[in-house]
Amino acid sequence: MSEPRRAATVLVLRPTADGRDVEVLFVRRNARASFMANAYVFPGGRVDDADAEGGPELASQRCAARELCEEAGLTVADPGELVYFARWVTPSAEPKRFDADFFLWAMPPEQEPRVDAQEVFDLRWYTPAAALAEYVEGGLNLPPPTACTLEDLQAEVAQVLVTAMAPAALLPALLQRSAARRPLPILPRLCPDEAGGLQIVLPWDPHFATLPGEGEPAPGLAQAAAPVPSRISRCTLAPPGVWRIQRLQGEPAK
């Protein structure tokens, strides 16, 4: 069993035109990549030794900011402002493993992303709801951690909108609320399904504890998080590379 490499990724956010939702930046990984080839992901990558030179406590944020600049041409003035949102660990059955921190960042209006056309291509903006809908329909190739993180982001936006506010205040309020989250290390388990596909089972699935593998059951991605009314509980990769999902209705018992 290999130890996971530290990694970091950024959900780059901008407000929608009406200010009642947020859009997230996606980039498509190279079709020849050794990990998540041809999938739409948030910009990110592995933590390098240089990322820890200014102190290990911000190495993950520095990595996220560096990768965002390299892959999407966006500059984070202060990596310490990135908001810690989620943490995903690759199952031990996988040969290439990562322990990845997910951060939120509001893109300044004067900046514009551009892909490097080497590691990533074809940038797209989606609201969380639109990305998840296209994912469920099979038109958007999202890794399960990406899809599940979008579910949390959608729930956090909905929670912020419960309070009356000016449209321009949504994104700052979202970041402020998300800063109170305490992410849990989410380590899914893998198992074959009856049709010969591979299932990725999430820690809130009712049968998670009965399956072989590492990782601990968990009610969601983070403590102090907004409730997710309908959460993906497992994903099946079926030939030819199509994801089928199962949902757990209602927030799991804590």
Protein backbone atom coordinates (compact mmCIF):
# COMPACT_ATOMS: atom_id res chain seq x y z
CA MET A 1 0.00 0.00 0.00
CA SER A 2 1.56 3.27 -1.11
CA GLU A 3 1.38 6.42 0.99
CA PRO A 4 -0.70 9.19 -0.62
CA ARG A 5 1.09 12.26 -1.94
CA ARG A 6 -0.14 15.60 -0.64
CA ALA A 7 -2.02 17.63 -3.21
CA ALA A 8 -4.26 20.68 -3.45
CA THR A 9 -6.94 22.00 -5.75
CA VAL A 10 -9.00 25.19 -6.02
CA LEU A 11 -12.68 25.79 -6.70
CA VAL A 12 -12.41 29.13 -8.49
CA LEU A 13 -15.68 31.01 -7.98
CA ARG A 14 -17.40 33.93 -9.64
CA PRO A 15 -20.96 35.23 -9.15
CA THR A 16 -23.62 34.59 -11.77
CA ALA A 17 -25.01 37.58 -13.65
CA ASP A 18 -27.97 37.91 -11.28
CA GLY A 19 -25.83 37.41 -8.18
CA ARG A 20 -28.05 34.58 -6.90
CA ASP A 21 -25.60 31.75 -7.49
CA VAL A 22 -21.93 31.07 -8.16
CA GLU A 23 -20.11 29.53 -11.11
CA VAL A 24 -17.12 27.23 -10.71
CA LEU A 25 -14.17 26.94 -13.08
CA PHE A 26 -13.48 23.50 -14.59
CA VAL A 27 -10.58 22.41 -16.77
CA ARG A 28 -10.25 19.16 -18.72
CA ARG A 29 -7.22 17.02 -17.97
CA ASN A 30 -5.01 15.75 -20.75
CA ALA A 31 -6.37 12.56 -22.35
CA ARG A 32 -2.91 10.99 -21.82
CA ALA A 33 -2.66 11.89 -18.14
CA SER A 34 -1.86 9.00 -15.80
CA PHE A 35 -4.49 10.14 -13.29
CA MET A 36 -8.10 11.16 -14.09
CA ALA A 37 -7.38 11.38 -17.82
CA ASN A 38 -9.87 13.45 -19.85
CA ALA A 39 -11.91 14.31 -16.75
CA TYR A 40 -13.16 17.79 -15.89
CA VAL A 41 -11.60 18.87 -12.61
CA PHE A 42 -10.74 21.92 -10.53
CA PRO A 43 -7.20 23.22 -11.20
CA GLY A 44 -4.65 21.64 -8.89
CA GLY A 45 -1.74 19.28 -8.43
CA ARG A 46 0.88 17.79 -6.11
CA VAL A 47 2.55 19.65 -3.25
CA ASP A 48 6.24 20.20 -4.04
CA ASP A 49 9.11 20.70 -1.60
CA ALA A 50 9.27 24.37 -2.59
CA ASP A 51 5.67 24.87 -1.41
CA ALA A 52 6.79 24.19 2.18
CA GLU A 53 9.80 26.53 2.16
CA GLY A 54 7.82 29.39 3.71
CA GLY A 55 6.45 27.11 6.44
CA PRO A 56 4.65 23.76 6.31
CA GLU A 57 1.37 25.15 7.62
CA LEU A 58 0.64 26.92 4.31
CA ALA A 59 2.26 24.42 1.93
CA SER A 60 -1.08 23.17 0.65
CA GLN A 61 -2.37 26.70 -0.01
CA ARG A 62 0.87 27.65 -1.78
CA CYS A 63 0.57 24.53 -3.92
CA ALA A 64 -3.02 25.40 -4.82
CA ALA A 65 -2.06 28.95 -5.76
CA ARG A 66 0.95 27.80 -7.81
CA GLU A 67 -1.02 25.17 -9.71
CA LEU A 68 -3.81 27.64 -10.38
CA CYS A 69 -1.31 30.03 -11.93
CA GLU A 70 0.39 27.30 -13.97
CA GLU A 71 -2.78 25.66 -15.28
CA ALA A 72 -5.23 28.54 -15.54
CA GLY A 73 -3.13 31.72 -15.52
CA LEU A 74 -4.79 33.09 -12.36
CA THR A 75 -2.89 34.84 -9.58
CA VAL A 76 -3.72 34.41 -5.89
CA ALA A 77 -2.19 37.41 -4.11
CA ASP A 78 -2.34 35.77 -0.66
CA PRO A 79 -2.52 31.95 -0.51
CA GLY A 80 -3.56 32.25 3.13
CA GLU A 81 -6.93 33.62 1.97
CA LEU A 82 -7.88 30.33 0.30
CA VAL A 83 -10.80 28.81 2.22
CA TYR A 84 -10.36 25.18 3.26
CA PHE A 85 -13.46 23.32 2.06
CA ALA A 86 -12.86 19.55 1.76
CA ARG A 87 -10.22 16.82 1.95
CA TRP A 88 -10.18 13.68 -0.20
CA VAL A 89 -7.83 10.68 0.08
CA THR A 90 -7.42 8.16 -2.76
CA PRO A 91 -8.32 4.56 -1.76
CA SER A 92 -5.34 2.33 -1.00
CA ALA A 93 -6.24 -0.08 -3.83
CA GLU A 94 -5.23 2.60 -6.35
CA PRO A 95 -1.59 2.59 -7.51
CA LYS A 96 -1.41 6.41 -7.58
CA ARG A 97 -2.70 8.01 -4.39
CA PHE A 98 -3.25 11.59 -3.24
CA ASP A 99 -4.30 13.30 -0.03
CA ALA A 100 -5.86 16.41 -1.53
CA ASP A 101 -7.06 19.60 0.12
CA PHE A 102 -9.87 21.45 -1.68
CA PHE A 103 -10.03 25.25 -1.34
CA LEU A 104 -12.46 28.00 -2.36
CA TRP A 105 -11.27 31.24 -3.95
CA ALA A 106 -13.19 34.19 -5.38
CA MET A 107 -11.64 35.21 -8.71
CA PRO A 108 -11.03 38.98 -8.89
CA PRO A 109 -13.13 40.53 -11.69
CA GLU A 110 -10.05 41.94 -13.44
CA GLN A 111 -8.56 38.46 -13.97
CA GLU A 112 -9.46 36.03 -16.75
CA PRO A 113 -8.48 32.34 -16.81
CA ARG A 114 -6.60 30.74 -19.68
CA VAL A 115 -5.59 27.07 -19.89
CA ASP A 116 -1.98 26.02 -20.35
CA ALA A 117 -2.98 23.61 -23.20
CA GLN A 118 -0.43 21.09 -21.89
CA GLU A 119 -1.77 19.63 -18.66
CA VAL A 120 -5.31 20.97 -19.00
CA PHE A 121 -7.61 22.13 -21.79
CA ASP A 122 -11.11 23.41 -22.50
CA LEU A 123 -12.00 25.59 -19.52
CA ARG A 124 -15.69 25.80 -18.63
CA TRP A 125 -17.81 27.62 -16.07
CA TYR A 126 -20.78 25.86 -14.43
CA THR A 127 -23.03 26.51 -11.50
CA PRO A 128 -22.90 23.52 -9.13
CA ALA A 129 -26.44 22.51 -10.14
CA ALA A 130 -25.69 22.68 -13.87
CA ALA A 131 -22.48 20.67 -13.54
CA LEU A 132 -24.18 17.98 -11.47
CA ALA A 133 -27.11 17.76 -13.90
CA GLU A 134 -24.79 17.28 -16.87
CA TYR A 135 -22.75 14.76 -14.88
CA VAL A 136 -25.84 12.68 -14.05
CA GLU A 137 -26.90 12.75 -17.70
CA GLY A 138 -23.48 11.45 -18.75
CA GLY A 139 -22.37 14.57 -20.62
CA LEU A 140 -19.71 15.74 -18.16
CA ASN A 141 -16.92 13.45 -16.96
CA LEU A 142 -16.43 14.35 -13.29
CA PRO A 143 -14.43 12.29 -10.78
CA PRO A 144 -16.67 11.31 -7.85
CA PRO A 145 -14.82 13.60 -5.36
CA THR A 146 -15.46 16.53 -7.69
CA ALA A 147 -19.18 15.74 -7.95
CA CYS A 148 -19.57 15.23 -4.20
CA THR A 149 -17.74 18.47 -3.43
CA LEU A 150 -20.12 20.29 -5.78
CA GLU A 151 -23.05 18.91 -3.79
CA ASP A 152 -21.60 20.51 -0.66
CA LEU A 153 -20.96 23.80 -2.45
CA GLN A 154 -24.54 23.87 -3.74
CA ALA A 155 -25.81 23.28 -0.20
CA GLU A 156 -23.64 26.06 1.22
CA VAL A 157 -24.94 28.51 -1.41
CA ALA A 158 -28.53 27.54 -0.58
CA GLN A 159 -27.86 28.08 3.12
CA VAL A 160 -26.46 31.56 2.48
CA LEU A 161 -29.48 32.48 0.33
CA VAL A 162 -31.81 31.72 3.24
CA THR A 163 -30.82 35.11 4.65
CA ALA A 164 -31.93 38.18 2.71
CA MET A 165 -28.98 40.02 1.21
CA ALA A 166 -27.93 42.12 -1.75
CA PRO A 167 -26.78 39.97 -4.72
CA ALA A 168 -23.24 41.35 -4.48
CA ALA A 169 -22.95 39.94 -0.96
CA LEU A 170 -23.48 36.28 -1.87
CA LEU A 171 -19.88 35.34 -2.63
CA PRO A 172 -18.31 37.06 0.41
CA ALA A 173 -20.98 35.51 2.65
CA LEU A 174 -20.37 32.09 1.11
CA LEU A 175 -16.64 32.30 1.80
CA GLN A 176 -17.24 33.49 5.35
CA ARG A 177 -19.66 30.66 6.06
CA SER A 178 -17.40 28.04 4.44
CA ALA A 179 -14.44 29.16 6.57
CA ALA A 180 -16.26 27.70 9.58
CA ARG A 181 -16.30 24.19 8.04
CA ARG A 182 -14.02 21.55 9.54
CA PRO A 183 -13.21 19.13 6.69
CA LEU A 184 -12.97 15.42 7.43
CA PRO A 185 -10.51 13.10 5.62
CA ILE A 186 -12.79 11.34 3.13
CA LEU A 187 -11.37 7.98 2.03
CA PRO A 188 -13.84 6.01 -0.16
CA ARG A 189 -13.84 2.23 -0.48
CA LEU A 190 -13.81 0.28 -3.75
CA CYS A 191 -15.77 -2.86 -4.55
CA PRO A 192 -16.91 -4.70 -7.69
CA ASP A 193 -20.58 -4.68 -8.62
CA GLU A 194 -22.69 -7.52 -10.02
CA ALA A 195 -22.36 -6.27 -13.60
CA GLY A 196 -18.56 -6.35 -13.55
CA GLY A 197 -18.11 -2.64 -12.94
CA LEU A 198 -16.19 -0.93 -10.15
CA GLN A 199 -18.06 0.85 -7.38
CA ILE A 200 -16.70 3.77 -5.41
CA VAL A 201 -18.55 3.77 -2.10
CA LEU A 202 -18.60 6.96 -0.04
CA PRO A 203 -18.27 6.99 3.78
CA TRP A 204 -21.93 7.99 4.32
CA ASP A 205 -23.27 5.00 2.39
CA PRO A 206 -25.29 2.77 4.79
CA HIS A 207 -23.16 -0.28 3.89
CA PHE A 208 -19.78 1.47 3.96
CA ALA A 209 -18.62 -0.13 7.23
CA THR A 210 -19.36 -3.64 5.96
CA LEU A 211 -17.06 -3.33 2.93
CA PRO A 212 -13.34 -4.14 2.90
CA GLY A 213 -10.91 -1.24 2.86
CA GLU A 214 -9.62 1.66 4.91
CA GLY A 215 -11.40 4.84 5.83
CA GLU A 216 -13.95 5.63 8.50
CA PRO A 217 -17.71 6.19 8.13
CA ALA A 218 -18.61 9.87 8.05
CA PRO A 219 -21.88 11.81 7.69
CA GLY A 220 -20.45 14.20 5.09
CA LEU A 221 -17.41 16.11 3.90
CA ALA A 222 -17.05 18.37 6.92
CA GLN A 223 -18.32 19.25 10.34
CA ALA A 224 -20.31 22.49 10.62
CA ALA A 225 -21.36 22.06 6.98
CA ALA A 226 -24.71 22.86 5.40
CA PRO A 227 -27.03 19.82 5.12
CA VAL A 228 -27.09 18.09 1.74
CA PRO A 229 -30.65 16.82 1.11
CA SER A 230 -29.75 14.23 -1.54
CA ARG A 231 -26.16 13.04 -1.51
CA ILE A 232 -24.36 10.68 -3.92
CA SER A 233 -23.56 7.59 -1.87
CA ARG A 234 -21.81 5.43 -4.45
CA CYS A 235 -20.69 5.62 -8.08
CA THR A 236 -20.24 2.74 -10.52
CA LEU A 237 -17.87 2.98 -13.45
CA ALA A 238 -19.51 0.90 -16.17
CA PRO A 239 -18.14 0.26 -19.68
CA PRO A 240 -17.48 2.29 -21.74
CA GLY A 241 -16.46 4.75 -19.03
CA VAL A 242 -19.95 5.86 -17.97
CA TRP A 243 -20.72 6.69 -14.35
CA ARG A 244 -23.91 5.42 -12.72
CA ILE A 245 -24.72 6.90 -9.33
CA GLN A 246 -26.84 6.04 -6.32
CA ARG A 247 -28.10 8.69 -3.96
CA LEU A 248 -28.75 8.68 -0.26
CA GLN A 249 -31.88 10.71 0.42
CA GLY A 250 -31.68 12.93 3.47
CA GLU A 251 -28.71 13.91 5.56
CA PRO A 252 -27.01 10.85 7.16
CA ALA A 253 -27.40 10.50 10.90
CA LYS A 254 -24.50 12.08 12.81
